[in-house]
């Protein structure tokens, strides 16, 4: 996804200092972000240890899972600034309105993909410690 293709959805921009927590695993939140500048590390806590799941860069979206899950807005991973990072906060209401226009079948497919991504992330984090 390019930043330009989603620019109209950005309602606010925020800058995060190096090592700042943008999203914290287990906390409530409903913001969806796009990385406008810089990199972030996606981290997950496993057995009281933290493992880096991925490094994301400009144009990547984070925090999207809360839109498609019925988890009450609980974050499934932490997102940490890897250097100075500028994030765009996406207009969640607009995203939800457009999502509601999709067919029930396509919405079901998206929800299943999100659940599969969550499960794959969980398994990958367990593998990092030889727990799976």
N, C-alpha and C. Protein backbone atom coordinates (compact mmCIF):
# COMPACT_ATOMS: atom_id res chain seq x y z
N UNK A 1 0.84 -1.17 0.00
CA UNK A 1 0.00 0.00 0.00
C UNK A 1 0.90 1.24 0.00
N UNK A 2 0.55 2.20 -0.81
CA UNK A 2 1.32 3.43 -0.81
C UNK A 2 0.66 4.46 0.10
N UNK A 3 1.47 5.34 0.62
CA UNK A 3 0.96 6.40 1.48
C UNK A 3 -0.03 7.27 0.71
N UNK A 4 0.29 7.56 -0.53
CA UNK A 4 -0.60 8.42 -1.33
C UNK A 4 -1.98 7.81 -1.53
N UNK A 5 -2.06 6.48 -1.64
CA UNK A 5 -3.35 5.84 -1.87
C UNK A 5 -4.26 5.92 -0.66
N UNK A 6 -3.71 6.22 0.51
CA UNK A 6 -4.51 6.26 1.73
C UNK A 6 -4.48 7.64 2.40
N UNK A 7 -3.79 8.59 1.79
CA UNK A 7 -3.62 9.92 2.38
C UNK A 7 -4.95 10.56 2.78
N UNK A 8 -6.00 10.38 2.00
CA UNK A 8 -7.30 10.96 2.32
C UNK A 8 -7.94 10.42 3.58
N UNK A 9 -7.43 9.33 4.09
CA UNK A 9 -7.95 8.73 5.31
C UNK A 9 -7.25 9.24 6.57
N UNK A 10 -6.15 9.94 6.40
CA UNK A 10 -5.36 10.40 7.54
C UNK A 10 -6.03 11.64 8.15
N UNK A 11 -6.35 11.54 9.45
CA UNK A 11 -7.00 12.66 10.13
C UNK A 11 -6.05 13.43 11.04
N UNK A 12 -4.92 12.81 11.37
CA UNK A 12 -3.97 13.45 12.27
C UNK A 12 -2.62 12.77 12.10
N UNK A 13 -1.56 13.52 12.36
CA UNK A 13 -0.22 12.94 12.33
C UNK A 13 0.42 13.10 13.71
N UNK A 14 1.21 12.11 14.10
CA UNK A 14 1.93 12.15 15.37
C UNK A 14 3.37 11.72 15.13
N UNK A 15 4.28 12.32 15.90
CA UNK A 15 5.69 11.97 15.83
C UNK A 15 6.06 11.26 17.13
N UNK A 16 6.79 10.16 17.01
CA UNK A 16 7.22 9.38 18.16
C UNK A 16 8.75 9.35 18.19
N UNK A 17 9.29 9.55 19.38
CA UNK A 17 10.74 9.51 19.59
C UNK A 17 11.22 8.06 19.53
N UNK A 18 12.53 7.87 19.31
CA UNK A 18 13.07 6.51 19.29
C UNK A 18 12.72 5.73 20.56
N UNK A 19 12.36 4.48 20.38
CA UNK A 19 11.99 3.54 21.45
C UNK A 19 10.67 3.87 22.14
N UNK A 20 9.90 4.80 21.61
CA UNK A 20 8.58 5.11 22.18
C UNK A 20 7.61 3.99 21.85
N UNK A 21 6.71 3.72 22.79
CA UNK A 21 5.67 2.73 22.56
C UNK A 21 4.50 3.42 21.87
N UNK A 22 4.18 2.97 20.68
CA UNK A 22 3.07 3.52 19.90
C UNK A 22 1.79 2.76 20.24
N UNK A 23 1.90 1.46 20.28
CA UNK A 23 0.80 0.57 20.66
C UNK A 23 1.36 -0.40 21.69
N UNK A 24 0.61 -0.63 22.77
CA UNK A 24 1.07 -1.57 23.79
C UNK A 24 0.16 -2.79 23.84
N UNK A 25 0.78 -3.95 23.72
CA UNK A 25 0.07 -5.23 23.77
C UNK A 25 -0.79 -5.32 25.02
N UNK A 26 -2.03 -5.78 24.85
CA UNK A 26 -2.94 -5.99 25.97
C UNK A 26 -3.73 -4.76 26.39
N UNK A 27 -3.34 -3.60 25.90
CA UNK A 27 -4.05 -2.36 26.24
C UNK A 27 -5.17 -2.11 25.23
N UNK A 28 -6.14 -1.35 25.66
CA UNK A 28 -7.24 -0.98 24.76
C UNK A 28 -6.79 0.13 23.83
N UNK A 29 -7.33 0.09 22.63
CA UNK A 29 -7.03 1.14 21.66
C UNK A 29 -7.84 0.89 20.40
N UNK A 30 -8.18 1.95 19.73
CA UNK A 30 -8.94 1.77 18.49
C UNK A 30 -8.37 2.55 17.32
N UNK A 31 -7.15 3.06 17.48
CA UNK A 31 -6.53 3.79 16.39
C UNK A 31 -5.88 2.82 15.41
N UNK A 32 -5.96 3.19 14.16
CA UNK A 32 -5.26 2.48 13.09
C UNK A 32 -4.28 3.49 12.51
N UNK A 33 -3.03 3.08 12.38
CA UNK A 33 -1.97 3.98 11.93
C UNK A 33 -1.39 3.52 10.59
N UNK A 34 -0.82 4.50 9.87
CA UNK A 34 0.03 4.21 8.73
C UNK A 34 1.37 4.87 9.02
N UNK A 35 2.44 4.17 8.72
CA UNK A 35 3.78 4.72 8.95
C UNK A 35 4.09 5.68 7.80
N UNK A 36 4.27 6.95 8.15
CA UNK A 36 4.57 7.97 7.15
C UNK A 36 6.07 8.15 6.95
N UNK A 37 6.82 7.96 8.04
CA UNK A 37 8.27 8.10 7.96
C UNK A 37 8.89 7.29 9.08
N UNK A 38 9.92 6.52 8.76
CA UNK A 38 10.64 5.76 9.76
C UNK A 38 10.26 4.28 9.76
N UNK A 39 10.67 3.62 10.86
CA UNK A 39 10.42 2.18 11.00
C UNK A 39 9.93 1.90 12.42
N UNK A 40 9.18 0.80 12.54
CA UNK A 40 8.71 0.35 13.85
C UNK A 40 9.00 -1.14 13.98
N UNK A 41 9.12 -1.57 15.23
CA UNK A 41 9.27 -2.99 15.54
C UNK A 41 7.95 -3.46 16.14
N UNK A 42 7.46 -4.61 15.65
CA UNK A 42 6.27 -5.24 16.22
C UNK A 42 6.77 -6.30 17.18
N UNK A 43 6.35 -6.18 18.44
CA UNK A 43 6.85 -7.07 19.48
C UNK A 43 5.71 -7.74 20.21
N UNK A 44 5.96 -8.97 20.65
CA UNK A 44 4.96 -9.75 21.37
C UNK A 44 5.59 -10.33 22.62
N UNK A 45 4.84 -10.33 23.70
CA UNK A 45 5.31 -10.91 24.96
C UNK A 45 4.94 -12.39 25.00
N UNK A 46 5.95 -13.22 25.24
CA UNK A 46 5.76 -14.67 25.32
C UNK A 46 6.53 -15.16 26.53
N UNK A 47 5.82 -15.80 27.47
CA UNK A 47 6.46 -16.37 28.65
C UNK A 47 7.34 -15.32 29.36
N UNK A 48 6.81 -14.11 29.50
CA UNK A 48 7.49 -12.99 30.16
C UNK A 48 8.73 -12.51 29.44
N UNK A 49 8.89 -12.90 28.20
CA UNK A 49 9.99 -12.41 27.37
C UNK A 49 9.37 -11.73 26.15
N UNK A 50 10.10 -10.79 25.59
CA UNK A 50 9.60 -10.06 24.43
C UNK A 50 10.35 -10.50 23.18
N UNK A 51 9.60 -10.80 22.13
CA UNK A 51 10.19 -11.20 20.86
C UNK A 51 9.74 -10.22 19.78
N UNK A 52 10.67 -9.87 18.90
CA UNK A 52 10.34 -9.01 17.76
C UNK A 52 9.76 -9.88 16.66
N UNK A 53 8.54 -9.57 16.27
CA UNK A 53 7.84 -10.34 15.24
C UNK A 53 8.17 -9.83 13.84
N UNK A 54 8.28 -8.50 13.72
CA UNK A 54 8.48 -7.91 12.39
C UNK A 54 9.01 -6.49 12.54
N UNK A 55 9.60 -6.00 11.47
CA UNK A 55 9.97 -4.60 11.35
C UNK A 55 9.17 -4.05 10.18
N UNK A 56 8.45 -2.97 10.42
CA UNK A 56 7.60 -2.37 9.40
C UNK A 56 8.13 -0.99 9.03
N UNK A 57 7.85 -0.58 7.78
CA UNK A 57 8.40 0.68 7.27
C UNK A 57 7.30 1.54 6.66
N UNK A 58 7.73 2.63 6.06
CA UNK A 58 6.82 3.59 5.44
C UNK A 58 5.80 2.89 4.54
N UNK A 59 4.53 3.27 4.73
CA UNK A 59 3.45 2.71 3.95
C UNK A 59 2.76 1.53 4.61
N UNK A 60 3.38 0.96 5.64
CA UNK A 60 2.76 -0.17 6.34
C UNK A 60 1.72 0.34 7.34
N UNK A 61 0.69 -0.46 7.54
CA UNK A 61 -0.40 -0.12 8.46
C UNK A 61 -0.25 -0.96 9.71
N UNK A 62 -0.50 -0.36 10.88
CA UNK A 62 -0.47 -1.08 12.14
C UNK A 62 -1.72 -0.75 12.95
N UNK A 63 -2.12 -1.69 13.78
CA UNK A 63 -3.28 -1.48 14.64
C UNK A 63 -4.61 -1.83 13.99
N UNK A 64 -4.56 -2.45 12.83
CA UNK A 64 -5.78 -2.72 12.07
C UNK A 64 -6.60 -3.87 12.63
N UNK A 65 -5.99 -4.75 13.39
CA UNK A 65 -6.72 -5.94 13.87
C UNK A 65 -7.91 -5.59 14.74
N UNK A 66 -7.82 -4.49 15.50
CA UNK A 66 -8.94 -4.14 16.39
C UNK A 66 -10.21 -3.81 15.61
N UNK A 67 -10.07 -3.46 14.35
CA UNK A 67 -11.25 -3.14 13.54
C UNK A 67 -12.05 -4.38 13.19
N UNK A 68 -11.39 -5.52 13.09
CA UNK A 68 -12.02 -6.71 12.56
C UNK A 68 -12.28 -7.79 13.59
N UNK A 69 -11.85 -7.57 14.81
CA UNK A 69 -12.03 -8.57 15.85
C UNK A 69 -13.02 -8.06 16.88
N UNK A 70 -13.61 -8.97 17.57
CA UNK A 70 -14.54 -8.60 18.63
C UNK A 70 -13.84 -8.77 19.98
N UNK A 71 -12.64 -8.20 20.08
CA UNK A 71 -11.82 -8.36 21.28
C UNK A 71 -11.94 -7.17 22.22
N UNK A 72 -12.87 -6.28 21.95
CA UNK A 72 -13.01 -5.12 22.80
C UNK A 72 -11.89 -4.13 22.64
N UNK A 73 -11.19 -4.17 21.53
CA UNK A 73 -10.13 -3.21 21.27
C UNK A 73 -8.80 -3.52 21.94
N UNK A 74 -8.62 -4.78 22.41
CA UNK A 74 -7.35 -5.13 23.04
C UNK A 74 -6.28 -5.36 21.96
N UNK A 75 -5.14 -4.74 22.17
CA UNK A 75 -4.04 -4.87 21.21
C UNK A 75 -3.36 -6.23 21.36
N UNK A 76 -3.01 -6.84 20.23
CA UNK A 76 -2.42 -8.19 20.24
C UNK A 76 -0.90 -8.17 20.20
N UNK A 77 -0.30 -7.01 19.97
CA UNK A 77 1.15 -6.87 19.95
C UNK A 77 1.50 -5.42 20.26
N UNK A 78 2.76 -5.20 20.61
CA UNK A 78 3.24 -3.84 20.83
C UNK A 78 3.92 -3.34 19.57
N UNK A 79 3.89 -2.04 19.37
CA UNK A 79 4.57 -1.40 18.25
C UNK A 79 5.48 -0.33 18.84
N UNK A 80 6.78 -0.46 18.57
CA UNK A 80 7.79 0.40 19.17
C UNK A 80 8.53 1.16 18.07
N UNK A 81 8.73 2.46 18.27
CA UNK A 81 9.46 3.28 17.29
C UNK A 81 10.91 2.83 17.22
N UNK A 82 11.38 2.57 16.01
CA UNK A 82 12.78 2.18 15.75
C UNK A 82 13.47 3.41 15.16
N UNK A 83 13.78 4.38 16.00
CA UNK A 83 14.22 5.69 15.55
C UNK A 83 13.02 6.62 15.59
N UNK A 84 13.20 7.85 15.13
CA UNK A 84 12.06 8.77 15.09
C UNK A 84 11.08 8.30 14.02
N UNK A 85 9.79 8.34 14.36
CA UNK A 85 8.75 7.83 13.47
C UNK A 85 7.62 8.85 13.39
N UNK A 86 7.13 9.06 12.18
CA UNK A 86 5.93 9.89 11.98
C UNK A 86 4.81 8.97 11.53
N UNK A 87 3.72 8.99 12.28
CA UNK A 87 2.58 8.11 12.01
C UNK A 87 1.37 8.95 11.62
N UNK A 88 0.57 8.41 10.71
CA UNK A 88 -0.71 9.01 10.38
C UNK A 88 -1.81 8.19 11.04
N UNK A 89 -2.72 8.88 11.74
CA UNK A 89 -3.86 8.19 12.33
C UNK A 89 -4.97 8.19 11.30
N UNK A 90 -5.50 7.00 11.01
CA UNK A 90 -6.52 6.86 9.98
C UNK A 90 -7.91 7.11 10.56
N UNK A 91 -8.79 7.62 9.73
CA UNK A 91 -10.17 7.92 10.11
C UNK A 91 -10.93 6.61 10.26
N UNK A 92 -11.04 6.15 11.49
CA UNK A 92 -11.67 4.85 11.75
C UNK A 92 -13.14 4.85 11.33
N UNK A 93 -13.86 5.92 11.59
CA UNK A 93 -15.27 5.97 11.21
C UNK A 93 -15.45 5.79 9.71
N UNK A 94 -14.61 6.47 8.93
CA UNK A 94 -14.69 6.33 7.47
C UNK A 94 -14.35 4.91 7.04
N UNK A 95 -13.32 4.33 7.64
CA UNK A 95 -12.94 2.96 7.31
C UNK A 95 -14.07 1.99 7.64
N UNK A 96 -14.71 2.19 8.81
CA UNK A 96 -15.81 1.31 9.21
C UNK A 96 -17.02 1.48 8.29
N UNK A 97 -17.31 2.71 7.88
CA UNK A 97 -18.43 2.94 6.96
C UNK A 97 -18.20 2.21 5.64
N UNK A 98 -16.99 2.30 5.11
CA UNK A 98 -16.69 1.64 3.85
C UNK A 98 -16.67 0.12 4.01
N UNK A 99 -16.20 -0.35 5.16
CA UNK A 99 -16.20 -1.78 5.44
C UNK A 99 -17.63 -2.32 5.45
N UNK A 100 -18.55 -1.57 6.04
CA UNK A 100 -19.96 -2.00 6.12
C UNK A 100 -20.61 -2.11 4.74
N UNK A 101 -20.05 -1.46 3.75
CA UNK A 101 -20.60 -1.54 2.39
C UNK A 101 -20.21 -2.85 1.68
N UNK A 102 -19.26 -3.57 2.24
CA UNK A 102 -18.82 -4.83 1.64
C UNK A 102 -19.88 -5.91 1.81
N UNK A 103 -19.82 -6.89 0.95
CA UNK A 103 -20.74 -8.01 1.06
C UNK A 103 -20.44 -8.80 2.33
N UNK A 104 -21.43 -9.49 2.88
CA UNK A 104 -21.18 -10.32 4.07
C UNK A 104 -20.08 -11.37 3.83
N UNK A 105 -20.02 -11.89 2.62
CA UNK A 105 -19.02 -12.90 2.30
C UNK A 105 -17.60 -12.31 2.36
N UNK A 106 -17.43 -11.10 1.81
CA UNK A 106 -16.12 -10.48 1.82
C UNK A 106 -15.73 -10.06 3.24
N UNK A 107 -16.68 -9.58 4.02
CA UNK A 107 -16.40 -9.24 5.42
C UNK A 107 -15.97 -10.48 6.20
N UNK A 108 -16.62 -11.59 5.95
CA UNK A 108 -16.27 -12.84 6.61
C UNK A 108 -14.86 -13.27 6.22
N UNK A 109 -14.52 -13.14 4.96
CA UNK A 109 -13.18 -13.48 4.49
C UNK A 109 -12.13 -12.62 5.18
N UNK A 110 -12.37 -11.31 5.27
CA UNK A 110 -11.42 -10.40 5.92
C UNK A 110 -11.26 -10.77 7.39
N UNK A 111 -12.37 -11.02 8.09
CA UNK A 111 -12.28 -11.40 9.51
C UNK A 111 -11.48 -12.69 9.68
N UNK A 112 -11.71 -13.67 8.80
CA UNK A 112 -10.96 -14.93 8.88
C UNK A 112 -9.47 -14.71 8.62
N UNK A 113 -9.13 -13.85 7.68
CA UNK A 113 -7.72 -13.55 7.41
C UNK A 113 -7.05 -12.88 8.61
N UNK A 114 -7.78 -11.98 9.26
CA UNK A 114 -7.24 -11.31 10.44
C UNK A 114 -7.02 -12.32 11.57
N UNK A 115 -7.98 -13.21 11.77
CA UNK A 115 -7.82 -14.24 12.80
C UNK A 115 -6.65 -15.16 12.49
N UNK A 116 -6.47 -15.49 11.23
CA UNK A 116 -5.34 -16.34 10.83
C UNK A 116 -4.02 -15.60 11.04
N UNK A 117 -3.98 -14.31 10.74
CA UNK A 117 -2.78 -13.52 10.98
C UNK A 117 -2.45 -13.48 12.47
N UNK A 118 -3.47 -13.31 13.29
CA UNK A 118 -3.25 -13.29 14.74
C UNK A 118 -2.69 -14.63 15.22
N UNK A 119 -3.24 -15.72 14.74
CA UNK A 119 -2.77 -17.05 15.13
C UNK A 119 -1.35 -17.30 14.64
N UNK A 120 -1.05 -16.88 13.42
CA UNK A 120 0.30 -17.05 12.88
C UNK A 120 1.30 -16.24 13.68
N UNK A 121 0.93 -15.04 14.08
CA UNK A 121 1.79 -14.21 14.92
C UNK A 121 2.05 -14.88 16.26
N UNK A 122 1.01 -15.45 16.84
CA UNK A 122 1.16 -16.15 18.12
C UNK A 122 2.12 -17.33 17.98
N UNK A 123 1.93 -18.12 16.92
CA UNK A 123 2.79 -19.28 16.70
C UNK A 123 4.23 -18.87 16.42
N UNK A 124 4.42 -17.82 15.64
CA UNK A 124 5.77 -17.35 15.33
C UNK A 124 6.49 -16.88 16.59
N UNK A 125 5.75 -16.22 17.48
CA UNK A 125 6.38 -15.77 18.71
C UNK A 125 6.75 -16.95 19.61
N UNK A 126 5.94 -17.99 19.61
CA UNK A 126 6.26 -19.20 20.38
C UNK A 126 7.48 -19.91 19.79
N UNK A 127 7.57 -19.93 18.47
CA UNK A 127 8.72 -20.56 17.81
C UNK A 127 10.02 -19.89 18.19
N UNK A 128 9.96 -18.59 18.37
CA UNK A 128 11.17 -17.84 18.71
C UNK A 128 11.80 -18.33 20.01
N UNK A 129 10.98 -18.90 20.89
CA UNK A 129 11.49 -19.42 22.15
C UNK A 129 11.44 -20.94 22.21
N UNK A 130 11.18 -21.58 21.07
CA UNK A 130 11.15 -23.03 21.03
C UNK A 130 9.98 -23.62 21.80
N UNK A 131 8.90 -22.87 21.90
CA UNK A 131 7.74 -23.31 22.69
C UNK A 131 6.66 -23.96 21.83
N UNK A 132 6.82 -23.98 20.52
CA UNK A 132 5.75 -24.50 19.67
C UNK A 132 6.17 -25.81 19.05
